[in-house]
Amino acid sequence: MSNVRHREIFVERVLYERDRFEQLLNRVGYARRMTLKGVAGKWSVKDALAYIWAHEQYLADRMHEILHHQPYTPCKTQSALDAFLDEFGYPDFGSPLLDANATAEWVVERYSHVSLDDLVAQEIEAFCSIVSALDNMQEDALRQHNLYHRIPKHTYERYRESAHPIRRWLKVNGAPNK
């Protein structure tokens, strides 16, 4: 299979998974329902979306750095990790110091006071940045930086991880299956 065809199939897959996730979010409906706790543990749909945004923004920024030949080094000290959080507003998901559970709770807490509309706008912008960078990146850069693995990890694997509890919550709460 040619590199061009492989990339086309990959982009189609990313967009398909995104469409499926957005359709699920549309089933949730009203903004009020997006903020109800208990969808996934104590999280709301908005909380899950904040965590997805953090992953997507992390990836979008790393892809921007790759496109512009800027170096990225994962944080190796706690002070560097704290500085990264302060500078970017999301965790350094590439750092070996990261505790996934603490990270998720940190993101949810940090974005709990951001309006749903603002969070949705930020998340859509991050996703669009990923797709744009993917369209503009050379094949050798995609392979060299393992982006055929990293993009799913920070996008549709996060969608799938959130989708199961959202579907279960919708079923329990009487939302119609579309």
N, C-alpha and C. Protein backbone atom coordinates (compact mmCIF):
# COMPACT_ATOMS: atom_id res chain seq x y z
N MET A 1 0.85 -1.17 0.00
CA MET A 1 0.00 0.00 0.00
C MET A 1 0.90 1.24 0.00
N SER A 2 0.57 2.22 -0.81
CA SER A 2 1.38 3.43 -0.88
C SER A 2 1.24 4.24 0.40
N ASN A 3 2.25 5.06 0.66
CA ASN A 3 2.22 5.93 1.83
C ASN A 3 1.04 6.89 1.79
N VAL A 4 0.73 7.40 0.59
CA VAL A 4 -0.39 8.33 0.44
C VAL A 4 -1.69 7.63 0.82
N ARG A 5 -1.89 6.43 0.34
CA ARG A 5 -3.12 5.68 0.64
C ARG A 5 -3.19 5.32 2.13
N HIS A 6 -2.06 4.95 2.70
CA HIS A 6 -2.01 4.64 4.14
C HIS A 6 -2.44 5.86 4.95
N ARG A 7 -1.93 7.02 4.61
CA ARG A 7 -2.29 8.25 5.32
C ARG A 7 -3.79 8.56 5.14
N GLU A 8 -4.29 8.42 3.91
CA GLU A 8 -5.72 8.67 3.65
C GLU A 8 -6.60 7.78 4.52
N ILE A 9 -6.26 6.51 4.59
CA ILE A 9 -7.03 5.56 5.40
C ILE A 9 -6.94 5.95 6.88
N PHE A 10 -5.75 6.33 7.31
CA PHE A 10 -5.56 6.74 8.70
C PHE A 10 -6.40 7.97 9.03
N VAL A 11 -6.36 8.98 8.18
CA VAL A 11 -7.15 10.21 8.41
C VAL A 11 -8.63 9.88 8.42
N GLU A 12 -9.08 9.03 7.49
CA GLU A 12 -10.49 8.61 7.47
C GLU A 12 -10.87 7.94 8.78
N ARG A 13 -9.99 7.12 9.31
CA ARG A 13 -10.25 6.42 10.57
C ARG A 13 -10.38 7.40 11.73
N VAL A 14 -9.46 8.35 11.80
CA VAL A 14 -9.51 9.37 12.86
C VAL A 14 -10.81 10.16 12.77
N LEU A 15 -11.19 10.58 11.57
CA LEU A 15 -12.41 11.36 11.39
C LEU A 15 -13.66 10.52 11.67
N TYR A 16 -13.65 9.26 11.28
CA TYR A 16 -14.77 8.36 11.57
C TYR A 16 -14.97 8.20 13.07
N GLU A 17 -13.88 7.95 13.78
CA GLU A 17 -13.96 7.79 15.23
C GLU A 17 -14.44 9.08 15.88
N ARG A 18 -13.99 10.20 15.36
CA ARG A 18 -14.44 11.50 15.89
C ARG A 18 -15.93 11.68 15.67
N ASP A 19 -16.41 11.36 14.48
CA ASP A 19 -17.84 11.47 14.18
C ASP A 19 -18.67 10.60 15.12
N ARG A 20 -18.22 9.39 15.36
CA ARG A 20 -18.93 8.49 16.29
C ARG A 20 -19.01 9.10 17.68
N PHE A 21 -17.91 9.68 18.14
CA PHE A 21 -17.89 10.28 19.46
C PHE A 21 -18.82 11.50 19.52
N GLU A 22 -18.79 12.34 18.50
CA GLU A 22 -19.67 13.51 18.48
C GLU A 22 -21.14 13.09 18.44
N GLN A 23 -21.46 12.03 17.71
CA GLN A 23 -22.84 11.53 17.69
C GLN A 23 -23.27 11.09 19.08
N LEU A 24 -22.38 10.45 19.79
CA LEU A 24 -22.69 10.04 21.16
C LEU A 24 -22.92 11.27 22.04
N LEU A 25 -22.07 12.27 21.93
CA LEU A 25 -22.25 13.49 22.71
C LEU A 25 -23.58 14.17 22.38
N ASN A 26 -23.97 14.13 21.12
CA ASN A 26 -25.24 14.71 20.72
C ASN A 26 -26.42 13.99 21.38
N ARG A 27 -26.26 12.70 21.64
CA ARG A 27 -27.32 11.95 22.34
C ARG A 27 -27.49 12.42 23.77
N VAL A 28 -26.41 12.91 24.38
CA VAL A 28 -26.50 13.40 25.75
C VAL A 28 -27.44 14.60 25.78
N GLY A 29 -27.34 15.45 24.79
CA GLY A 29 -28.30 16.54 24.65
C GLY A 29 -27.92 17.80 25.39
N TYR A 30 -28.81 18.27 26.19
CA TYR A 30 -28.72 19.57 26.84
C TYR A 30 -27.44 19.76 27.65
N ALA A 31 -27.00 21.01 27.72
CA ALA A 31 -25.80 21.34 28.48
C ALA A 31 -25.93 20.90 29.93
N ARG A 32 -27.12 21.02 30.48
CA ARG A 32 -27.36 20.62 31.87
C ARG A 32 -26.99 19.16 32.07
N ARG A 33 -27.34 18.31 31.12
CA ARG A 33 -27.03 16.88 31.23
C ARG A 33 -25.53 16.62 31.08
N MET A 34 -24.84 17.47 30.35
CA MET A 34 -23.40 17.30 30.14
C MET A 34 -22.62 17.52 31.44
N THR A 35 -23.23 18.22 32.40
CA THR A 35 -22.52 18.55 33.63
C THR A 35 -22.98 17.72 34.83
N LEU A 36 -23.90 16.79 34.62
CA LEU A 36 -24.35 15.93 35.71
C LEU A 36 -23.26 14.94 36.08
N LYS A 37 -22.96 14.86 37.35
CA LYS A 37 -21.93 13.92 37.84
C LYS A 37 -22.48 12.50 37.81
N GLY A 38 -21.58 11.54 37.82
CA GLY A 38 -21.98 10.14 37.90
C GLY A 38 -21.99 9.39 36.59
N VAL A 39 -21.50 10.01 35.53
CA VAL A 39 -21.46 9.34 34.23
C VAL A 39 -20.37 8.27 34.23
N ALA A 40 -19.20 8.67 34.67
CA ALA A 40 -18.06 7.75 34.78
C ALA A 40 -17.47 7.96 36.17
N GLY A 41 -17.92 7.15 37.11
CA GLY A 41 -17.55 7.39 38.51
C GLY A 41 -18.18 8.69 38.95
N LYS A 42 -17.36 9.62 39.43
CA LYS A 42 -17.92 10.92 39.84
C LYS A 42 -17.83 11.96 38.72
N TRP A 43 -17.33 11.54 37.55
CA TRP A 43 -17.18 12.46 36.43
C TRP A 43 -18.49 12.68 35.68
N SER A 44 -18.59 13.87 35.09
CA SER A 44 -19.66 14.20 34.16
C SER A 44 -19.13 14.02 32.74
N VAL A 45 -20.00 14.18 31.76
CA VAL A 45 -19.56 14.16 30.36
C VAL A 45 -18.58 15.31 30.14
N LYS A 46 -18.87 16.46 30.72
CA LYS A 46 -17.97 17.62 30.60
C LYS A 46 -16.59 17.29 31.16
N ASP A 47 -16.52 16.58 32.28
CA ASP A 47 -15.24 16.20 32.87
C ASP A 47 -14.46 15.29 31.91
N ALA A 48 -15.14 14.33 31.32
CA ALA A 48 -14.49 13.43 30.35
C ALA A 48 -13.99 14.23 29.16
N LEU A 49 -14.78 15.21 28.73
CA LEU A 49 -14.37 16.05 27.61
C LEU A 49 -13.14 16.88 27.96
N ALA A 50 -13.05 17.36 29.19
CA ALA A 50 -11.87 18.12 29.62
C ALA A 50 -10.62 17.24 29.54
N TYR A 51 -10.75 16.00 29.96
CA TYR A 51 -9.61 15.08 29.92
C TYR A 51 -9.22 14.78 28.47
N ILE A 52 -10.20 14.60 27.62
CA ILE A 52 -9.93 14.39 26.19
C ILE A 52 -9.23 15.62 25.61
N TRP A 53 -9.75 16.81 25.95
CA TRP A 53 -9.13 18.04 25.48
C TRP A 53 -7.65 18.09 25.86
N ALA A 54 -7.33 17.76 27.11
CA ALA A 54 -5.94 17.81 27.57
C ALA A 54 -5.06 16.91 26.72
N HIS A 55 -5.53 15.71 26.42
CA HIS A 55 -4.76 14.79 25.57
C HIS A 55 -4.60 15.36 24.17
N GLU A 56 -5.69 15.86 23.61
CA GLU A 56 -5.63 16.38 22.25
C GLU A 56 -4.75 17.63 22.16
N GLN A 57 -4.84 18.52 23.15
CA GLN A 57 -4.03 19.73 23.11
C GLN A 57 -2.55 19.39 23.26
N TYR A 58 -2.26 18.44 24.12
CA TYR A 58 -0.87 17.96 24.27
C TYR A 58 -0.35 17.48 22.90
N LEU A 59 -1.12 16.65 22.24
CA LEU A 59 -0.71 16.11 20.95
C LEU A 59 -0.62 17.20 19.89
N ALA A 60 -1.60 18.08 19.84
CA ALA A 60 -1.58 19.17 18.86
C ALA A 60 -0.32 20.02 19.01
N ASP A 61 0.04 20.32 20.25
CA ASP A 61 1.25 21.12 20.48
C ASP A 61 2.52 20.38 20.09
N ARG A 62 2.58 19.07 20.39
CA ARG A 62 3.76 18.30 20.00
C ARG A 62 3.85 18.23 18.47
N MET A 63 2.72 18.06 17.80
CA MET A 63 2.73 17.99 16.33
C MET A 63 3.16 19.34 15.74
N HIS A 64 2.73 20.43 16.35
CA HIS A 64 3.16 21.77 15.90
C HIS A 64 4.67 21.90 16.04
N GLU A 65 5.20 21.41 17.16
CA GLU A 65 6.65 21.45 17.37
C GLU A 65 7.38 20.62 16.29
N ILE A 66 6.85 19.46 15.98
CA ILE A 66 7.45 18.62 14.94
C ILE A 66 7.45 19.34 13.60
N LEU A 67 6.31 19.94 13.25
CA LEU A 67 6.21 20.67 11.98
C LEU A 67 7.20 21.82 11.89
N HIS A 68 7.50 22.42 13.02
CA HIS A 68 8.39 23.59 13.04
C HIS A 68 9.79 23.25 13.55
N HIS A 69 10.09 21.96 13.58
CA HIS A 69 11.43 21.48 13.97
C HIS A 69 11.87 22.01 15.32
N GLN A 70 10.93 22.07 16.26
CA GLN A 70 11.23 22.51 17.62
C GLN A 70 11.36 21.27 18.51
N PRO A 71 12.33 21.27 19.38
CA PRO A 71 12.53 20.09 20.23
C PRO A 71 11.51 20.01 21.36
N TYR A 72 11.22 18.79 21.76
CA TYR A 72 10.39 18.52 22.93
C TYR A 72 11.11 17.46 23.75
N THR A 73 11.26 17.73 25.02
CA THR A 73 11.85 16.76 25.93
C THR A 73 10.88 16.54 27.07
N PRO A 74 10.45 15.30 27.30
CA PRO A 74 9.54 15.04 28.42
C PRO A 74 10.16 15.49 29.75
N CYS A 75 9.33 15.95 30.64
CA CYS A 75 9.78 16.41 31.95
C CYS A 75 10.38 15.25 32.74
N LYS A 76 11.53 15.51 33.32
CA LYS A 76 12.23 14.47 34.07
C LYS A 76 12.31 14.77 35.57
N THR A 77 11.86 15.96 35.97
CA THR A 77 11.83 16.30 37.39
C THR A 77 10.45 16.82 37.75
N GLN A 78 10.13 16.74 39.02
CA GLN A 78 8.82 17.23 39.47
C GLN A 78 8.70 18.74 39.24
N SER A 79 9.77 19.49 39.44
CA SER A 79 9.70 20.93 39.23
C SER A 79 9.47 21.25 37.75
N ALA A 80 10.08 20.48 36.86
CA ALA A 80 9.86 20.67 35.42
C ALA A 80 8.41 20.33 35.06
N LEU A 81 7.89 19.27 35.67
CA LEU A 81 6.50 18.87 35.43
C LEU A 81 5.53 19.95 35.91
N ASP A 82 5.80 20.51 37.08
CA ASP A 82 4.96 21.60 37.62
C ASP A 82 5.02 22.83 36.71
N ALA A 83 6.22 23.16 36.22
CA ALA A 83 6.38 24.30 35.32
C ALA A 83 5.63 24.07 34.01
N PHE A 84 5.67 22.84 33.50
CA PHE A 84 4.96 22.48 32.28
C PHE A 84 3.45 22.68 32.47
N LEU A 85 2.93 22.20 33.58
CA LEU A 85 1.51 22.38 33.89
C LEU A 85 1.13 23.85 33.91
N ASP A 86 1.95 24.65 34.57
CA ASP A 86 1.67 26.09 34.67
C ASP A 86 1.73 26.76 33.30
N GLU A 87 2.71 26.38 32.49
CA GLU A 87 2.89 27.03 31.19
C GLU A 87 1.81 26.64 30.19
N PHE A 88 1.50 25.34 30.10
CA PHE A 88 0.61 24.87 29.05
C PHE A 88 -0.83 24.65 29.50
N GLY A 89 -1.05 24.43 30.79
CA GLY A 89 -2.42 24.21 31.27
C GLY A 89 -2.90 22.78 31.12
N TYR A 90 -2.00 21.89 30.79
CA TYR A 90 -2.32 20.46 30.70
C TYR A 90 -1.06 19.69 31.08
N PRO A 91 -1.18 18.42 31.43
CA PRO A 91 -0.02 17.64 31.85
C PRO A 91 0.90 17.26 30.69
N ASP A 92 2.14 16.99 31.03
CA ASP A 92 3.09 16.47 30.06
C ASP A 92 2.89 14.96 30.00
N PHE A 93 2.02 14.53 29.10
CA PHE A 93 1.68 13.11 28.99
C PHE A 93 2.86 12.25 28.56
N GLY A 94 3.95 12.87 28.12
CA GLY A 94 5.14 12.12 27.74
C GLY A 94 6.10 11.89 28.89
N SER A 95 5.82 12.49 30.03
CA SER A 95 6.73 12.39 31.17
C SER A 95 6.59 11.04 31.88
N PRO A 96 7.71 10.41 32.22
CA PRO A 96 7.63 9.16 32.98
C PRO A 96 7.20 9.39 34.43
N LEU A 97 7.19 10.64 34.87
CA LEU A 97 6.81 10.96 36.25
C LEU A 97 5.30 11.04 36.45
N LEU A 98 4.56 11.06 35.35
CA LEU A 98 3.13 11.31 35.42
C LEU A 98 2.38 10.16 36.07
N ASP A 99 1.52 10.48 37.00
CA ASP A 99 0.59 9.53 37.61
C ASP A 99 -0.75 9.74 36.92
N ALA A 100 -1.20 8.76 36.14
CA ALA A 100 -2.39 8.90 35.30
C ALA A 100 -3.62 9.30 36.11
N ASN A 101 -3.84 8.69 37.27
CA ASN A 101 -5.02 9.02 38.07
C ASN A 101 -4.98 10.44 38.60
N ALA A 102 -3.84 10.84 39.13
CA ALA A 102 -3.70 12.20 39.64
C ALA A 102 -3.83 13.21 38.51
N THR A 103 -3.30 12.86 37.35
CA THR A 103 -3.37 13.74 36.19
C THR A 103 -4.81 13.98 35.77
N ALA A 104 -5.57 12.92 35.69
CA ALA A 104 -6.97 13.04 35.27
C ALA A 104 -7.74 13.92 36.25
N GLU A 105 -7.54 13.71 37.52
CA GLU A 105 -8.24 14.52 38.52
C GLU A 105 -7.79 15.97 38.47
N TRP A 106 -6.50 16.21 38.21
CA TRP A 106 -5.98 17.56 38.09
C TRP A 106 -6.66 18.29 36.94
N VAL A 107 -6.77 17.63 35.80
CA VAL A 107 -7.41 18.24 34.62
C VAL A 107 -8.86 18.57 34.92
N VAL A 108 -9.58 17.62 35.50
CA VAL A 108 -11.00 17.83 35.80
C VAL A 108 -11.17 19.01 36.77
N GLU A 109 -10.35 19.06 37.79
CA GLU A 109 -10.43 20.15 38.76
C GLU A 109 -10.10 21.49 38.11
N ARG A 110 -9.04 21.51 37.32
CA ARG A 110 -8.61 22.77 36.69
C ARG A 110 -9.67 23.32 35.74
N TYR A 111 -10.38 22.47 35.05
CA TYR A 111 -11.36 22.92 34.06
C TYR A 111 -12.80 22.86 34.56
N SER A 112 -12.99 22.63 35.85
CA SER A 112 -14.35 22.57 36.40
C SER A 112 -15.06 23.91 36.33
N HIS A 113 -14.32 25.01 36.34
CA HIS A 113 -14.93 26.33 36.32
C HIS A 113 -14.95 26.96 34.92
N VAL A 114 -14.48 26.23 33.94
CA VAL A 114 -14.55 26.69 32.56
C VAL A 114 -15.93 26.32 32.03
N SER A 115 -16.56 27.24 31.33
CA SER A 115 -17.91 26.96 30.83
C SER A 115 -17.86 25.81 29.82
N LEU A 116 -18.97 25.09 29.73
CA LEU A 116 -19.07 23.99 28.78
C LEU A 116 -18.81 24.48 27.36
N ASP A 117 -19.40 25.62 27.00
CA ASP A 117 -19.20 26.15 25.64
C ASP A 117 -17.73 26.45 25.36
N ASP A 118 -17.03 27.03 26.33
CA ASP A 118 -15.61 27.33 26.14
C ASP A 118 -14.79 26.05 26.02
N LEU A 119 -15.12 25.07 26.86
CA LEU A 119 -14.40 23.80 26.82
C LEU A 119 -14.62 23.10 25.48
N VAL A 120 -15.85 23.07 25.02
CA VAL A 120 -16.15 22.44 23.73
C VAL A 120 -15.38 23.15 22.61
N ALA A 121 -15.36 24.47 22.64
CA ALA A 121 -14.64 25.23 21.60
C ALA A 121 -13.14 24.91 21.64
N GLN A 122 -12.57 24.83 22.83
CA GLN A 122 -11.15 24.51 22.96
C GLN A 122 -10.85 23.09 22.47
N GLU A 123 -11.74 22.17 22.81
CA GLU A 123 -11.53 20.78 22.42
C GLU A 123 -11.63 20.63 20.90
N ILE A 124 -12.60 21.26 20.28
CA ILE A 124 -12.74 21.20 18.82
C ILE A 124 -11.52 21.83 18.15
N GLU A 125 -11.05 22.94 18.69
CA GLU A 125 -9.87 23.60 18.14
C GLU A 125 -8.64 22.69 18.23
N ALA A 126 -8.48 22.00 19.35
CA ALA A 126 -7.34 21.09 19.51
C ALA A 126 -7.43 19.96 18.49
N PHE A 127 -8.63 19.38 18.33
CA PHE A 127 -8.79 18.29 17.37
C PHE A 127 -8.49 18.78 15.95
N CYS A 128 -9.01 19.94 15.59
CA CYS A 128 -8.76 20.49 14.26
C CYS A 128 -7.28 20.77 14.03
N SER A 129 -6.57 21.18 15.07
CA SER A 129 -5.12 21.41 14.96
C SER A 129 -4.39 20.10 14.67
N ILE A 130 -4.85 19.02 15.28
CA ILE A 130 -4.25 17.70 15.02
C ILE A 130 -4.44 17.31 13.56
N VAL A 131 -5.67 17.45 13.07
CA VAL A 131 -5.96 17.08 11.68
C VAL A 131 -5.18 17.96 10.71
N SER A 132 -5.10 19.24 11.00
CA SER A 132 -4.35 20.16 10.14
C SER A 132 -2.87 19.79 10.12
N ALA A 133 -2.30 19.52 11.28
CA ALA A 133 -0.89 19.13 11.34
C ALA A 133 -0.66 17.82 10.61
N LEU A 134 -1.59 16.90 10.76
CA LEU A 134 -1.50 15.61 10.07
C LEU A 134 -1.50 15.82 8.56
N ASP A 135 -2.35 16.71 8.08
CA ASP A 135 -2.41 17.00 6.64
C ASP A 135 -1.12 17.64 6.12
N ASN A 136 -0.44 18.40 6.98
CA ASN A 136 0.74 19.15 6.54
C ASN A 136 2.07 18.46 6.82
N MET A 137 2.02 17.32 7.49
CA MET A 137 3.25 16.66 7.90
C MET A 137 3.74 15.70 6.83
N GLN A 138 5.04 15.66 6.68
CA GLN A 138 5.66 14.73 5.76
C GLN A 138 5.56 13.30 6.32
N GLU A 139 5.48 12.34 5.43
CA GLU A 139 5.35 10.94 5.83
C GLU A 139 6.50 10.49 6.73
N ASP A 140 7.71 10.91 6.39
CA ASP A 140 8.85 10.49 7.21
C ASP A 140 8.75 11.03 8.63
N ALA A 141 8.21 12.22 8.81
CA ALA A 141 8.03 12.78 10.16
C ALA A 141 6.96 12.01 10.93
N LEU A 142 5.89 11.62 10.22
CA LEU A 142 4.84 10.83 10.87
C LEU A 142 5.41 9.52 11.42
N ARG A 143 6.23 8.90 10.62
CA ARG A 143 6.82 7.62 11.05
C ARG A 143 7.93 7.82 12.10
N GLN A 144 8.78 8.79 11.88
CA GLN A 144 9.88 9.04 12.81
C GLN A 144 9.38 9.34 14.22
N HIS A 145 8.27 10.06 14.31
CA HIS A 145 7.73 10.46 15.61
C HIS A 145 6.59 9.54 16.08
N ASN A 146 6.46 8.41 15.41
CA ASN A 146 5.49 7.38 15.81
C ASN A 146 4.06 7.92 15.91
N LEU A 147 3.70 8.82 15.02
CA LEU A 147 2.39 9.47 15.11
C LEU A 147 1.23 8.57 14.71
N TYR A 148 1.50 7.53 13.93
CA TYR A 148 0.43 6.59 13.62
C TYR A 148 -0.01 5.82 14.87
N HIS A 149 0.81 5.82 15.88
CA HIS A 149 0.45 5.24 17.18
C HIS A 149 0.01 6.32 18.17
N ARG A 150 0.72 7.44 18.19
CA ARG A 150 0.45 8.50 19.17
C ARG A 150 -0.89 9.20 18.93
N ILE A 151 -1.27 9.40 17.68
CA ILE A 151 -2.53 10.09 17.41
C ILE A 151 -3.72 9.30 17.95
N PRO A 152 -3.85 8.01 17.66
CA PRO A 152 -4.96 7.26 18.27
C PRO A 152 -4.93 7.29 19.80
N LYS A 153 -3.74 7.18 20.36
CA LYS A 153 -3.60 7.16 21.82
C LYS A 153 -4.19 8.41 22.47
N HIS A 154 -4.03 9.55 21.82
CA HIS A 154 -4.49 10.81 22.40
C HIS A 154 -5.82 11.29 21.82
N THR A 155 -6.39 10.56 20.88
CA THR A 155 -7.69 10.95 20.32
C THR A 155 -8.70 9.83 20.51
N TYR A 156 -8.81 8.96 19.51
CA TYR A 156 -9.94 8.04 19.56
C TYR A 156 -9.84 6.94 20.60
N GLU A 157 -8.68 6.65 21.10
CA GLU A 157 -8.64 5.72 22.24
C GLU A 157 -9.25 6.39 23.47
N ARG A 158 -9.07 7.70 23.61
CA ARG A 158 -9.72 8.46 24.70
C ARG A 158 -11.23 8.52 24.47
N TYR A 159 -11.67 8.67 23.20
CA TYR A 159 -13.11 8.69 22.91
C TYR A 159 -13.74 7.38 23.33
N ARG A 160 -13.10 6.29 22.93
CA ARG A 160 -13.64 4.96 23.25
C ARG A 160 -13.68 4.72 24.75
N GLU A 161 -12.63 5.16 25.43
CA GLU A 161 -12.55 5.02 26.88
C GLU A 161 -13.71 5.74 27.56
N SER A 162 -14.11 6.88 27.04
CA SER A 162 -15.22 7.66 27.61
C SER A 162 -16.57 7.17 27.12
N ALA A 163 -16.63 6.61 25.93
CA ALA A 163 -17.91 6.24 25.32
C ALA A 163 -18.66 5.17 26.09
N HIS A 164 -17.95 4.16 26.58
CA HIS A 164 -18.63 3.06 27.27
C HIS A 164 -19.43 3.55 28.48
N PRO A 165 -18.82 4.29 29.41
CA PRO A 165 -19.63 4.76 30.55
C PRO A 165 -20.72 5.75 30.14
N ILE A 166 -20.48 6.54 29.09
CA ILE A 166 -21.51 7.48 28.65
C ILE A 166 -22.70 6.70 28.10
N ARG A 167 -22.46 5.67 27.29
CA ARG A 167 -23.55 4.85 26.76
C ARG A 167 -24.33 4.17 27.88
N ARG A 168 -23.59 3.63 28.85
CA ARG A 168 -24.24 2.98 29.98
C ARG A 168 -25.10 3.98 30.76
N TRP A 169 -24.57 5.17 30.98
CA TRP A 169 -25.30 6.22 31.70
C TRP A 169 -26.55 6.63 30.92
N LEU A 170 -26.42 6.76 29.61
CA LEU A 170 -27.58 7.12 28.78
C LEU A 170 -28.66 6.03 28.85
N LYS A 171 -28.23 4.78 28.83
CA LYS A 171 -29.18 3.68 28.90
C LYS A 171 -29.93 3.68 30.23
N VAL A 172 -29.21 3.89 31.31
CA VAL A 172 -29.82 3.91 32.64
C VAL A 172 -30.76 5.11 32.79
N ASN A 173 -30.40 6.22 32.16
CA ASN A 173 -31.17 7.44 32.30
C ASN A 173 -32.21 7.65 31.20
N GLY A 174 -32.48 6.61 30.44
CA GLY A 174 -33.59 6.63 29.50
C GLY A 174 -33.40 7.41 28.22
N ALA A 175 -32.16 7.67 27.82
CA ALA A 175 -31.94 8.37 26.55
C ALA A 175 -32.17 7.40 25.40
N PRO A 176 -32.84 7.83 24.36
CA PRO A 176 -33.09 6.93 23.22
C PRO A 176 -31.82 6.56 22.50
N ASN A 177 -31.75 5.34 22.01
CA ASN A 177 -30.63 4.87 21.22
C ASN A 177 -30.83 5.29 19.77
N LYS A 178 -29.87 5.98 19.22
CA LYS A 178 -29.99 6.42 17.83
C LYS A 178 -29.05 5.67 16.94
